Amino acid sequence: MKKIKIDQAVIVEGKYDKIKLSALIDAVIITTDGFRIFKDAEMSDLIRRYAESSGIVILTDSDAAGFRIRGHIKSICPEGKITNLYIPDIFGKEKRKTEPSKEGKLGVEGMDAAVLKELFDRAGITSDKKRESEPLTAQDLYDLGLSGGSDSSTLRRKVAAALSLPERITAKGLLDAANTLYSRKEFCDTVIRVKGEEV
């Protein structure tokens, strides 16, 4: 199955949801780590910034916890562009679990790929617009000194701070954010400026 290109950041609850979606969509996928979103100001700020720029798609489980997380995300993104996708209530148990969830419903990770694909297709959020500038690549990050070097993590933290991104962001997360929130020129100019301040 060909991956669906989506411009918005997709918000899911956990890492297994992210793994499931990663095989299906080409998009920035952010996990809330369950209820951690309620206490993590950096994560909330990042989600808010995506909501206000490219927009976000909320795809939490259809149980009480999922709706609570969904409501919280909506409350912290009052100015954002939000698309809500709801998985159907299908009862069962995820393969990796020994017993069903509290409400007995399958979560995102337990959904059939075809069901998830249909949700995105029906929502009409698949990308069909061309990028205004050439996207940054992992090689660009390496060339800029943001990955693969002995001081890469230090430089990455400084660049993340300059861009108002979480300082613990990974190289992959920085690449996703750069390509979604900034133009190639804006990002490269910021890296050059930060390097200049180090001298």
N, C-alpha and C. Protein backbone atom coordinates (compact mmCIF):
# COMPACT_ATOMS: atom_id res chain seq x y z
N MET A 1 0.85 -1.18 0.00
CA MET A 1 0.00 0.00 0.00
C MET A 1 0.89 1.25 0.00
N LYS A 2 0.63 2.15 -0.93
CA LYS A 2 1.41 3.39 -1.01
C LYS A 2 1.06 4.31 0.16
N LYS A 3 2.09 4.95 0.74
CA LYS A 3 1.86 5.84 1.87
C LYS A 3 1.09 7.08 1.43
N ILE A 4 0.22 7.54 2.32
CA ILE A 4 -0.57 8.75 2.07
C ILE A 4 0.23 9.95 2.57
N LYS A 5 0.42 10.94 1.71
CA LYS A 5 1.15 12.16 2.11
C LYS A 5 0.16 13.13 2.74
N ILE A 6 0.50 13.55 3.96
CA ILE A 6 -0.36 14.47 4.71
C ILE A 6 0.48 15.64 5.20
N ASP A 7 0.01 16.86 4.97
CA ASP A 7 0.76 18.05 5.38
C ASP A 7 0.63 18.33 6.87
N GLN A 8 -0.50 18.01 7.46
CA GLN A 8 -0.71 18.28 8.87
C GLN A 8 0.08 17.30 9.75
N ALA A 9 0.38 17.73 10.97
CA ALA A 9 0.96 16.82 11.96
C ALA A 9 -0.18 15.97 12.52
N VAL A 10 0.08 14.69 12.70
CA VAL A 10 -0.94 13.78 13.22
C VAL A 10 -0.62 13.46 14.67
N ILE A 11 -1.59 13.64 15.55
CA ILE A 11 -1.40 13.43 16.98
C ILE A 11 -2.04 12.11 17.40
N VAL A 12 -1.24 11.22 17.97
CA VAL A 12 -1.73 9.94 18.48
C VAL A 12 -1.29 9.79 19.93
N GLU A 13 -1.79 8.76 20.59
CA GLU A 13 -1.50 8.60 22.02
C GLU A 13 -0.15 7.97 22.31
N GLY A 14 0.18 6.86 21.65
CA GLY A 14 1.38 6.12 22.04
C GLY A 14 2.26 5.68 20.91
N LYS A 15 3.38 5.07 21.27
CA LYS A 15 4.38 4.68 20.28
C LYS A 15 3.89 3.59 19.34
N TYR A 16 3.02 2.69 19.83
CA TYR A 16 2.51 1.64 18.95
C TYR A 16 1.51 2.20 17.94
N ASP A 17 0.79 3.24 18.34
CA ASP A 17 -0.07 3.94 17.38
C ASP A 17 0.79 4.57 16.28
N LYS A 18 1.90 5.19 16.71
CA LYS A 18 2.80 5.84 15.76
C LYS A 18 3.41 4.82 14.80
N ILE A 19 3.81 3.67 15.32
CA ILE A 19 4.38 2.62 14.47
C ILE A 19 3.36 2.18 13.42
N LYS A 20 2.13 1.99 13.87
CA LYS A 20 1.05 1.56 12.95
C LYS A 20 0.85 2.59 11.84
N LEU A 21 0.77 3.87 12.22
CA LEU A 21 0.52 4.92 11.23
C LEU A 21 1.71 5.17 10.32
N SER A 22 2.92 4.97 10.85
CA SER A 22 4.13 5.23 10.05
C SER A 22 4.20 4.36 8.81
N ALA A 23 3.57 3.19 8.87
CA ALA A 23 3.54 2.31 7.70
C ALA A 23 2.50 2.75 6.68
N LEU A 24 1.62 3.66 7.11
CA LEU A 24 0.49 4.05 6.27
C LEU A 24 0.57 5.47 5.74
N ILE A 25 1.12 6.38 6.55
CA ILE A 25 1.13 7.79 6.15
C ILE A 25 2.54 8.37 6.16
N ASP A 26 2.73 9.36 5.31
CA ASP A 26 3.98 10.14 5.26
C ASP A 26 3.63 11.49 5.86
N ALA A 27 3.93 11.64 7.15
CA ALA A 27 3.56 12.87 7.88
C ALA A 27 4.34 12.93 9.17
N VAL A 28 4.34 14.09 9.78
CA VAL A 28 4.88 14.23 11.14
C VAL A 28 3.86 13.57 12.08
N ILE A 29 4.32 12.64 12.90
CA ILE A 29 3.43 11.97 13.86
C ILE A 29 3.96 12.27 15.26
N ILE A 30 3.11 12.85 16.10
CA ILE A 30 3.50 13.20 17.46
C ILE A 30 2.69 12.36 18.43
N THR A 31 3.38 11.76 19.41
CA THR A 31 2.67 10.99 20.44
C THR A 31 2.49 11.85 21.69
N THR A 32 1.34 11.70 22.32
CA THR A 32 1.09 12.43 23.57
C THR A 32 1.64 11.65 24.77
N ASP A 33 2.08 10.41 24.53
CA ASP A 33 2.51 9.52 25.63
C ASP A 33 1.42 9.45 26.68
N GLY A 34 0.22 9.17 26.21
CA GLY A 34 -0.92 9.09 27.11
C GLY A 34 -1.23 10.44 27.72
N PHE A 35 -1.36 10.48 29.05
CA PHE A 35 -1.72 11.71 29.74
C PHE A 35 -0.53 12.64 29.98
N ARG A 36 0.65 12.27 29.50
CA ARG A 36 1.82 13.14 29.69
C ARG A 36 1.59 14.53 29.09
N ILE A 37 0.76 14.60 28.06
CA ILE A 37 0.44 15.86 27.40
C ILE A 37 -0.10 16.89 28.40
N PHE A 38 -0.75 16.43 29.47
CA PHE A 38 -1.33 17.35 30.44
C PHE A 38 -0.26 18.09 31.25
N LYS A 39 0.94 17.49 31.36
CA LYS A 39 1.99 18.07 32.19
C LYS A 39 3.17 18.60 31.39
N ASP A 40 3.27 18.24 30.12
CA ASP A 40 4.45 18.57 29.32
C ASP A 40 4.22 19.86 28.53
N ALA A 41 4.75 20.96 29.06
CA ALA A 41 4.54 22.27 28.42
C ALA A 41 5.21 22.35 27.06
N GLU A 42 6.39 21.73 26.91
CA GLU A 42 7.10 21.77 25.62
C GLU A 42 6.31 21.03 24.55
N MET A 43 5.78 19.86 24.90
CA MET A 43 4.99 19.10 23.94
C MET A 43 3.74 19.88 23.55
N SER A 44 3.09 20.48 24.53
CA SER A 44 1.89 21.28 24.25
C SER A 44 2.20 22.44 23.33
N ASP A 45 3.33 23.10 23.56
CA ASP A 45 3.73 24.23 22.73
C ASP A 45 4.01 23.78 21.30
N LEU A 46 4.67 22.63 21.15
CA LEU A 46 4.97 22.12 19.82
C LEU A 46 3.69 21.79 19.06
N ILE A 47 2.75 21.13 19.72
CA ILE A 47 1.47 20.79 19.08
C ILE A 47 0.73 22.07 18.70
N ARG A 48 0.76 23.06 19.59
CA ARG A 48 0.09 24.34 19.30
C ARG A 48 0.69 25.01 18.06
N ARG A 49 2.01 24.95 17.94
CA ARG A 49 2.66 25.58 16.79
C ARG A 49 2.31 24.87 15.49
N TYR A 50 2.25 23.54 15.53
CA TYR A 50 1.82 22.81 14.34
C TYR A 50 0.37 23.17 13.99
N ALA A 51 -0.48 23.25 15.02
CA ALA A 51 -1.89 23.57 14.79
C ALA A 51 -2.05 24.93 14.12
N GLU A 52 -1.20 25.88 14.51
CA GLU A 52 -1.31 27.24 13.97
C GLU A 52 -0.61 27.42 12.63
N SER A 53 0.23 26.46 12.24
CA SER A 53 0.91 26.59 10.94
C SER A 53 0.31 25.61 9.93
N SER A 54 0.74 24.36 9.98
CA SER A 54 0.25 23.38 9.00
C SER A 54 -1.09 22.78 9.36
N GLY A 55 -1.45 22.88 10.66
CA GLY A 55 -2.67 22.23 11.14
C GLY A 55 -2.33 20.87 11.74
N ILE A 56 -3.26 20.35 12.53
CA ILE A 56 -3.06 19.03 13.13
C ILE A 56 -4.27 18.14 12.88
N VAL A 57 -4.01 16.85 12.91
CA VAL A 57 -5.06 15.83 12.84
C VAL A 57 -5.02 15.08 14.16
N ILE A 58 -6.12 15.06 14.89
CA ILE A 58 -6.16 14.32 16.15
C ILE A 58 -6.77 12.95 15.89
N LEU A 59 -6.01 11.92 16.23
CA LEU A 59 -6.46 10.54 16.04
C LEU A 59 -6.17 9.75 17.31
N THR A 60 -6.96 10.02 18.35
CA THR A 60 -6.81 9.29 19.60
C THR A 60 -7.79 8.12 19.61
N ASP A 61 -7.60 7.22 20.56
CA ASP A 61 -8.51 6.07 20.67
C ASP A 61 -9.92 6.56 20.99
N SER A 62 -10.90 5.72 20.72
CA SER A 62 -12.30 6.10 20.94
C SER A 62 -12.82 5.67 22.31
N ASP A 63 -11.93 5.67 23.30
CA ASP A 63 -12.36 5.37 24.67
C ASP A 63 -12.35 6.67 25.47
N ALA A 64 -12.71 6.59 26.75
CA ALA A 64 -12.80 7.80 27.58
C ALA A 64 -11.48 8.54 27.65
N ALA A 65 -10.38 7.80 27.80
CA ALA A 65 -9.06 8.43 27.88
C ALA A 65 -8.74 9.16 26.58
N GLY A 66 -9.04 8.53 25.46
CA GLY A 66 -8.79 9.15 24.16
C GLY A 66 -9.55 10.45 23.97
N PHE A 67 -10.82 10.46 24.42
CA PHE A 67 -11.62 11.68 24.29
C PHE A 67 -11.15 12.76 25.26
N ARG A 68 -10.66 12.35 26.41
CA ARG A 68 -10.12 13.33 27.36
C ARG A 68 -8.88 14.00 26.78
N ILE A 69 -7.99 13.21 26.18
CA ILE A 69 -6.78 13.75 25.55
C ILE A 69 -7.16 14.65 24.38
N ARG A 70 -8.11 14.20 23.57
CA ARG A 70 -8.58 14.99 22.42
C ARG A 70 -9.11 16.35 22.88
N GLY A 71 -9.91 16.34 23.94
CA GLY A 71 -10.47 17.59 24.46
C GLY A 71 -9.38 18.53 24.96
N HIS A 72 -8.37 17.96 25.61
CA HIS A 72 -7.27 18.79 26.12
C HIS A 72 -6.51 19.45 24.97
N ILE A 73 -6.22 18.67 23.93
CA ILE A 73 -5.49 19.22 22.77
C ILE A 73 -6.29 20.35 22.13
N LYS A 74 -7.59 20.15 21.99
CA LYS A 74 -8.42 21.21 21.41
C LYS A 74 -8.40 22.47 22.28
N SER A 75 -8.35 22.28 23.61
CA SER A 75 -8.36 23.44 24.51
C SER A 75 -7.05 24.22 24.48
N ILE A 76 -5.93 23.55 24.17
CA ILE A 76 -4.65 24.27 24.14
C ILE A 76 -4.34 24.84 22.75
N CYS A 77 -5.21 24.55 21.78
CA CYS A 77 -5.00 25.05 20.41
C CYS A 77 -6.22 25.85 19.93
N PRO A 78 -6.60 26.91 20.66
CA PRO A 78 -7.82 27.64 20.29
C PRO A 78 -7.75 28.32 18.92
N GLU A 79 -6.54 28.67 18.49
CA GLU A 79 -6.39 29.35 17.20
C GLU A 79 -5.97 28.39 16.09
N GLY A 80 -5.84 27.13 16.41
CA GLY A 80 -5.28 26.18 15.45
C GLY A 80 -6.29 25.58 14.49
N LYS A 81 -5.73 25.01 13.41
CA LYS A 81 -6.55 24.28 12.44
C LYS A 81 -6.52 22.81 12.85
N ILE A 82 -7.66 22.32 13.27
CA ILE A 82 -7.74 20.96 13.81
C ILE A 82 -8.71 20.12 12.99
N THR A 83 -8.25 18.95 12.59
CA THR A 83 -9.12 17.96 11.96
C THR A 83 -9.23 16.78 12.92
N ASN A 84 -10.44 16.41 13.25
CA ASN A 84 -10.65 15.27 14.14
C ASN A 84 -11.01 14.04 13.32
N LEU A 85 -10.26 12.96 13.51
CA LEU A 85 -10.61 11.67 12.93
C LEU A 85 -10.97 10.74 14.07
N TYR A 86 -12.03 9.99 13.89
CA TYR A 86 -12.50 9.09 14.94
C TYR A 86 -12.50 7.65 14.44
N ILE A 87 -11.80 6.80 15.16
CA ILE A 87 -11.80 5.39 14.77
C ILE A 87 -13.12 4.77 15.23
N PRO A 88 -13.62 3.81 14.46
CA PRO A 88 -14.90 3.19 14.84
C PRO A 88 -14.77 2.35 16.11
N ASP A 89 -15.88 2.20 16.79
CA ASP A 89 -15.89 1.34 17.99
C ASP A 89 -15.89 -0.12 17.54
N ILE A 90 -14.73 -0.71 17.56
CA ILE A 90 -14.59 -2.13 17.24
C ILE A 90 -14.03 -2.81 18.48
N PHE A 91 -14.73 -3.81 18.94
CA PHE A 91 -14.30 -4.48 20.16
C PHE A 91 -13.31 -5.60 19.84
N GLY A 92 -12.32 -5.72 20.70
CA GLY A 92 -11.31 -6.73 20.49
C GLY A 92 -10.09 -6.44 21.35
N LYS A 93 -8.98 -7.10 21.01
CA LYS A 93 -7.75 -6.98 21.78
C LYS A 93 -6.58 -6.83 20.83
N GLU A 94 -5.69 -5.88 21.12
CA GLU A 94 -4.48 -5.73 20.32
C GLU A 94 -3.60 -6.97 20.49
N LYS A 95 -2.90 -7.35 19.45
CA LYS A 95 -2.09 -8.58 19.46
C LYS A 95 -1.04 -8.60 20.56
N ARG A 96 -0.43 -7.46 20.84
CA ARG A 96 0.67 -7.44 21.83
C ARG A 96 0.17 -7.49 23.26
N LYS A 97 -1.13 -7.29 23.48
CA LYS A 97 -1.68 -7.24 24.83
C LYS A 97 -2.23 -8.60 25.27
N THR A 98 -2.17 -8.84 26.57
CA THR A 98 -2.67 -10.10 27.10
C THR A 98 -4.19 -10.07 27.30
N GLU A 99 -4.74 -8.87 27.47
CA GLU A 99 -6.18 -8.75 27.63
C GLU A 99 -6.67 -7.45 26.99
N PRO A 100 -7.95 -7.33 26.70
CA PRO A 100 -8.48 -6.12 26.07
C PRO A 100 -8.31 -4.90 26.97
N SER A 101 -8.47 -3.72 26.37
CA SER A 101 -8.41 -2.48 27.15
C SER A 101 -9.59 -2.43 28.11
N LYS A 102 -9.59 -1.44 28.98
CA LYS A 102 -10.64 -1.30 30.00
C LYS A 102 -12.04 -1.32 29.38
N GLU A 103 -12.21 -0.64 28.25
CA GLU A 103 -13.52 -0.58 27.61
C GLU A 103 -13.69 -1.65 26.54
N GLY A 104 -12.63 -2.43 26.31
CA GLY A 104 -12.72 -3.54 25.35
C GLY A 104 -12.66 -3.14 23.89
N LYS A 105 -12.35 -1.85 23.62
CA LYS A 105 -12.30 -1.38 22.23
C LYS A 105 -10.88 -1.41 21.69
N LEU A 106 -10.77 -1.66 20.40
CA LEU A 106 -9.47 -1.58 19.75
C LEU A 106 -9.06 -0.12 19.64
N GLY A 107 -7.76 0.14 19.84
CA GLY A 107 -7.23 1.48 19.66
C GLY A 107 -6.69 1.65 18.26
N VAL A 108 -5.99 2.75 18.04
CA VAL A 108 -5.41 3.03 16.72
C VAL A 108 -4.51 1.88 16.29
N GLU A 109 -3.68 1.38 17.21
CA GLU A 109 -2.73 0.32 16.84
C GLU A 109 -3.43 -0.97 16.43
N GLY A 110 -4.65 -1.19 16.91
CA GLY A 110 -5.37 -2.42 16.59
C GLY A 110 -6.24 -2.33 15.35
N MET A 111 -6.34 -1.14 14.78
CA MET A 111 -7.19 -0.94 13.60
C MET A 111 -6.55 -1.53 12.35
N ASP A 112 -7.37 -2.05 11.48
CA ASP A 112 -6.91 -2.53 10.18
C ASP A 112 -6.44 -1.33 9.36
N ALA A 113 -5.35 -1.50 8.63
CA ALA A 113 -4.78 -0.40 7.84
C ALA A 113 -5.80 0.18 6.86
N ALA A 114 -6.64 -0.67 6.28
CA ALA A 114 -7.64 -0.20 5.31
C ALA A 114 -8.66 0.73 5.98
N VAL A 115 -9.00 0.44 7.23
CA VAL A 115 -9.94 1.29 7.98
C VAL A 115 -9.31 2.67 8.22
N LEU A 116 -8.04 2.67 8.64
CA LEU A 116 -7.35 3.93 8.88
C LEU A 116 -7.20 4.74 7.59
N LYS A 117 -6.86 4.07 6.51
CA LYS A 117 -6.70 4.75 5.21
C LYS A 117 -8.01 5.42 4.81
N GLU A 118 -9.10 4.71 5.02
CA GLU A 118 -10.41 5.27 4.66
C GLU A 118 -10.72 6.53 5.47
N LEU A 119 -10.32 6.53 6.75
CA LEU A 119 -10.54 7.72 7.59
C LEU A 119 -9.86 8.94 6.99
N PHE A 120 -8.58 8.76 6.60
CA PHE A 120 -7.83 9.89 6.02
C PHE A 120 -8.41 10.29 4.67
N ASP A 121 -8.79 9.31 3.85
CA ASP A 121 -9.37 9.61 2.53
C ASP A 121 -10.68 10.38 2.67
N ARG A 122 -11.53 9.93 3.57
CA ARG A 122 -12.83 10.58 3.76
C ARG A 122 -12.70 12.00 4.26
N ALA A 123 -11.66 12.23 5.07
CA ALA A 123 -11.46 13.57 5.64
C ALA A 123 -10.96 14.57 4.60
N GLY A 124 -10.47 14.05 3.48
CA GLY A 124 -10.00 14.93 2.40
C GLY A 124 -8.77 15.74 2.77
N ILE A 125 -7.89 15.17 3.58
CA ILE A 125 -6.71 15.91 4.03
C ILE A 125 -5.42 15.42 3.41
N THR A 126 -5.53 14.56 2.42
CA THR A 126 -4.31 14.12 1.77
C THR A 126 -3.69 15.27 1.00
N SER A 127 -2.37 15.29 0.95
CA SER A 127 -1.66 16.42 0.36
C SER A 127 -1.66 16.34 -1.16
N ASP A 128 -1.95 17.47 -1.78
CA ASP A 128 -1.83 17.54 -3.23
C ASP A 128 -1.14 18.83 -3.66
N LYS A 129 -0.63 19.59 -2.67
CA LYS A 129 0.04 20.83 -3.04
C LYS A 129 1.55 20.63 -3.08
N LYS A 130 2.20 21.39 -3.91
CA LYS A 130 3.64 21.29 -4.05
C LYS A 130 4.33 22.16 -3.00
N ARG A 131 5.48 21.72 -2.54
CA ARG A 131 6.26 22.50 -1.58
C ARG A 131 6.74 23.79 -2.23
N GLU A 132 6.79 24.85 -1.45
CA GLU A 132 7.27 26.11 -1.98
C GLU A 132 8.79 26.13 -2.08
N SER A 133 9.46 25.32 -1.28
CA SER A 133 10.91 25.25 -1.36
C SER A 133 11.35 23.81 -1.21
N GLU A 134 12.58 23.56 -1.62
CA GLU A 134 13.11 22.20 -1.54
C GLU A 134 13.20 21.76 -0.08
N PRO A 135 12.68 20.57 0.25
CA PRO A 135 12.73 20.14 1.65
C PRO A 135 14.14 19.83 2.11
N LEU A 136 14.36 20.01 3.39
CA LEU A 136 15.64 19.62 4.00
C LEU A 136 15.68 18.11 4.11
N THR A 137 16.89 17.56 4.06
CA THR A 137 17.07 16.11 4.16
C THR A 137 17.97 15.78 5.34
N ALA A 138 18.07 14.50 5.66
CA ALA A 138 18.97 14.06 6.72
C ALA A 138 20.41 14.43 6.37
N GLN A 139 20.73 14.39 5.08
CA GLN A 139 22.09 14.78 4.65
C GLN A 139 22.34 16.26 4.93
N ASP A 140 21.31 17.09 4.75
CA ASP A 140 21.45 18.52 5.06
C ASP A 140 21.77 18.72 6.54
N LEU A 141 21.08 17.99 7.40
CA LEU A 141 21.34 18.10 8.84
C LEU A 141 22.77 17.70 9.15
N TYR A 142 23.24 16.65 8.50
CA TYR A 142 24.63 16.20 8.71
C TYR A 142 25.59 17.29 8.23
N ASP A 143 25.34 17.82 7.04
CA ASP A 143 26.22 18.86 6.47
C ASP A 143 26.25 20.12 7.34
N LEU A 144 25.13 20.41 8.00
CA LEU A 144 25.04 21.59 8.86
C LEU A 144 25.62 21.34 10.26
N GLY A 145 26.01 20.09 10.52
CA GLY A 145 26.59 19.74 11.81
C GLY A 145 25.57 19.40 12.89
N LEU A 146 24.33 19.15 12.47
CA LEU A 146 23.26 18.87 13.43
C LEU A 146 23.07 17.39 13.72
N SER A 147 23.78 16.54 13.01
CA SER A 147 23.73 15.10 13.28
C SER A 147 25.06 14.48 12.89
N GLY A 148 25.39 13.38 13.56
CA GLY A 148 26.58 12.61 13.19
C GLY A 148 27.91 13.11 13.72
N GLY A 149 27.96 14.25 14.37
CA GLY A 149 29.22 14.80 14.88
C GLY A 149 29.29 14.74 16.39
N SER A 150 30.48 14.97 16.92
CA SER A 150 30.66 14.88 18.38
C SER A 150 29.90 15.98 19.12
N ASP A 151 29.71 17.13 18.49
CA ASP A 151 29.00 18.24 19.14
C ASP A 151 27.60 18.47 18.55
N SER A 152 27.12 17.50 17.77
CA SER A 152 25.84 17.68 17.08
C SER A 152 24.68 17.89 18.04
N SER A 153 24.65 17.12 19.12
CA SER A 153 23.50 17.24 20.04
C SER A 153 23.49 18.62 20.72
N THR A 154 24.68 19.16 21.02
CA THR A 154 24.76 20.49 21.62
C THR A 154 24.26 21.55 20.65
N LEU A 155 24.72 21.47 19.40
CA LEU A 155 24.29 22.43 18.39
C LEU A 155 22.78 22.28 18.13
N ARG A 156 22.30 21.03 18.10
CA ARG A 156 20.88 20.79 17.86
C ARG A 156 20.04 21.44 18.96
N ARG A 157 20.47 21.33 20.21
CA ARG A 157 19.75 21.95 21.32
C ARG A 157 19.70 23.47 21.16
N LYS A 158 20.83 24.07 20.75
CA LYS A 158 20.88 25.52 20.58
C LYS A 158 19.99 25.98 19.42
N VAL A 159 20.02 25.23 18.34
CA VAL A 159 19.17 25.57 17.18
C VAL A 159 17.70 25.40 17.57
N ALA A 160 17.39 24.33 18.29
CA ALA A 160 16.01 24.10 18.73
C ALA A 160 15.54 25.26 19.60
N ALA A 161 16.40 25.72 20.52
CA ALA A 161 16.04 26.85 21.38
C ALA A 161 15.80 28.11 20.55
N ALA A 162 16.66 28.33 19.55
CA ALA A 162 16.51 29.52 18.69
C ALA A 162 15.21 29.47 17.89
N LEU A 163 14.73 28.26 17.61
CA LEU A 163 13.50 28.09 16.84
C LEU A 163 12.28 27.86 17.74
N SER A 164 12.50 27.98 19.06
CA SER A 164 11.42 27.75 20.04
C SER A 164 10.84 26.34 19.95
N LEU A 165 11.72 25.37 19.76
CA LEU A 165 11.34 23.96 19.73
C LEU A 165 11.86 23.29 21.00
N PRO A 166 11.31 22.13 21.39
CA PRO A 166 11.81 21.45 22.59
C PRO A 166 13.30 21.14 22.47
N GLU A 167 14.07 21.42 23.51
CA GLU A 167 15.52 21.24 23.43
C GLU A 167 15.93 19.78 23.33
N ARG A 168 15.07 18.86 23.75
CA ARG A 168 15.40 17.44 23.67
C ARG A 168 15.00 16.82 22.34
N ILE A 169 14.64 17.64 21.38
CA ILE A 169 14.18 17.13 20.09
C ILE A 169 15.29 16.32 19.41
N THR A 170 14.91 15.21 18.80
CA THR A 170 15.87 14.36 18.09
C THR A 170 16.19 14.98 16.73
N ALA A 171 17.20 14.44 16.08
CA ALA A 171 17.54 14.93 14.73
C ALA A 171 16.35 14.73 13.79
N LYS A 172 15.68 13.59 13.88
CA LYS A 172 14.52 13.30 13.03
C LYS A 172 13.39 14.28 13.34
N GLY A 173 13.16 14.53 14.64
CA GLY A 173 12.12 15.48 15.02
C GLY A 173 12.42 16.88 14.54
N LEU A 174 13.71 17.27 14.61
CA LEU A 174 14.12 18.59 14.12
C LEU A 174 13.91 18.70 12.62
N LEU A 175 14.22 17.64 11.90
CA LEU A 175 14.02 17.62 10.45
C LEU A 175 12.54 17.77 10.11
N ASP A 176 11.68 17.01 10.82
CA ASP A 176 10.24 17.11 10.59
C ASP A 176 9.74 18.53 10.85
N ALA A 177 10.17 19.10 11.99
CA ALA A 177 9.72 20.46 12.35
C ALA A 177 10.22 21.48 11.34
N ALA A 178 11.47 21.34 10.93
CA ALA A 178 12.06 22.28 9.96
C ALA A 178 11.27 22.28 8.66
N ASN A 179 10.91 21.10 8.19
CA ASN A 179 10.20 20.99 6.91
C ASN A 179 8.72 21.37 7.01
N THR A 180 8.19 21.39 8.21
CA THR A 180 6.77 21.72 8.38
C THR A 180 6.56 23.17 8.79
N LEU A 181 7.45 23.67 9.66
CA LEU A 181 7.24 24.99 10.25
C LEU A 181 8.05 26.12 9.62
N TYR A 182 9.11 25.77 8.88
CA TYR A 182 10.02 26.80 8.35
C TYR A 182 10.36 26.53 6.89
N SER A 183 10.76 27.59 6.21
CA SER A 183 11.29 27.40 4.86
C SER A 183 12.73 26.92 5.00
N ARG A 184 13.27 26.37 3.95
CA ARG A 184 14.67 25.92 3.95
C ARG A 184 15.60 27.07 4.33
N LYS A 185 15.34 28.26 3.75
CA LYS A 185 16.20 29.43 4.00
C LYS A 185 16.13 29.86 5.46
N GLU A 186 14.91 29.92 6.02
CA GLU A 186 14.75 30.32 7.43
C GLU A 186 15.55 29.39 8.35
N PHE A 187 15.44 28.10 8.08
CA PHE A 187 16.11 27.13 8.94
C PHE A 187 17.63 27.25 8.83
N CYS A 188 18.13 27.28 7.59
CA CYS A 188 19.59 27.37 7.38
C CYS A 188 20.15 28.67 7.94
N ASP A 189 19.41 29.77 7.77
CA ASP A 189 19.85 31.06 8.32
C ASP A 189 19.96 31.00 9.84
N THR A 190 19.01 30.30 10.48
CA THR A 190 19.04 30.16 11.94
C THR A 190 20.25 29.37 12.38
N VAL A 191 20.54 28.27 11.67
CA VAL A 191 21.71 27.45 12.03
C VAL A 191 22.99 28.27 11.89
N ILE A 192 23.11 29.03 10.81
CA ILE A 192 24.31 29.86 10.58
C ILE A 192 24.45 30.91 11.68
N ARG A 193 23.31 31.51 12.07
CA ARG A 193 23.32 32.53 13.12
C ARG A 193 23.78 31.91 14.46
N VAL A 194 23.23 30.74 14.80
CA VAL A 194 23.59 30.09 16.05
C VAL A 194 25.07 29.70 16.04
N LYS A 195 25.56 29.22 14.92
CA LYS A 195 26.99 28.86 14.82
C LYS A 195 27.85 30.10 14.99
N GLY A 196 27.40 31.23 14.45
CA GLY A 196 28.15 32.48 14.58
C GLY A 196 28.23 32.96 16.01
N GLU A 197 27.17 32.70 16.78
CA GLU A 197 27.15 33.10 18.19
C GLU A 197 28.08 32.24 19.03
N GLU A 198 28.41 31.04 18.53
CA GLU A 198 29.31 30.14 19.27
C GLU A 198 30.77 30.56 19.19
N VAL A 199 31.09 31.30 18.13
CA VAL A 199 32.51 31.68 17.89
C VAL A 199 32.97 32.70 18.92
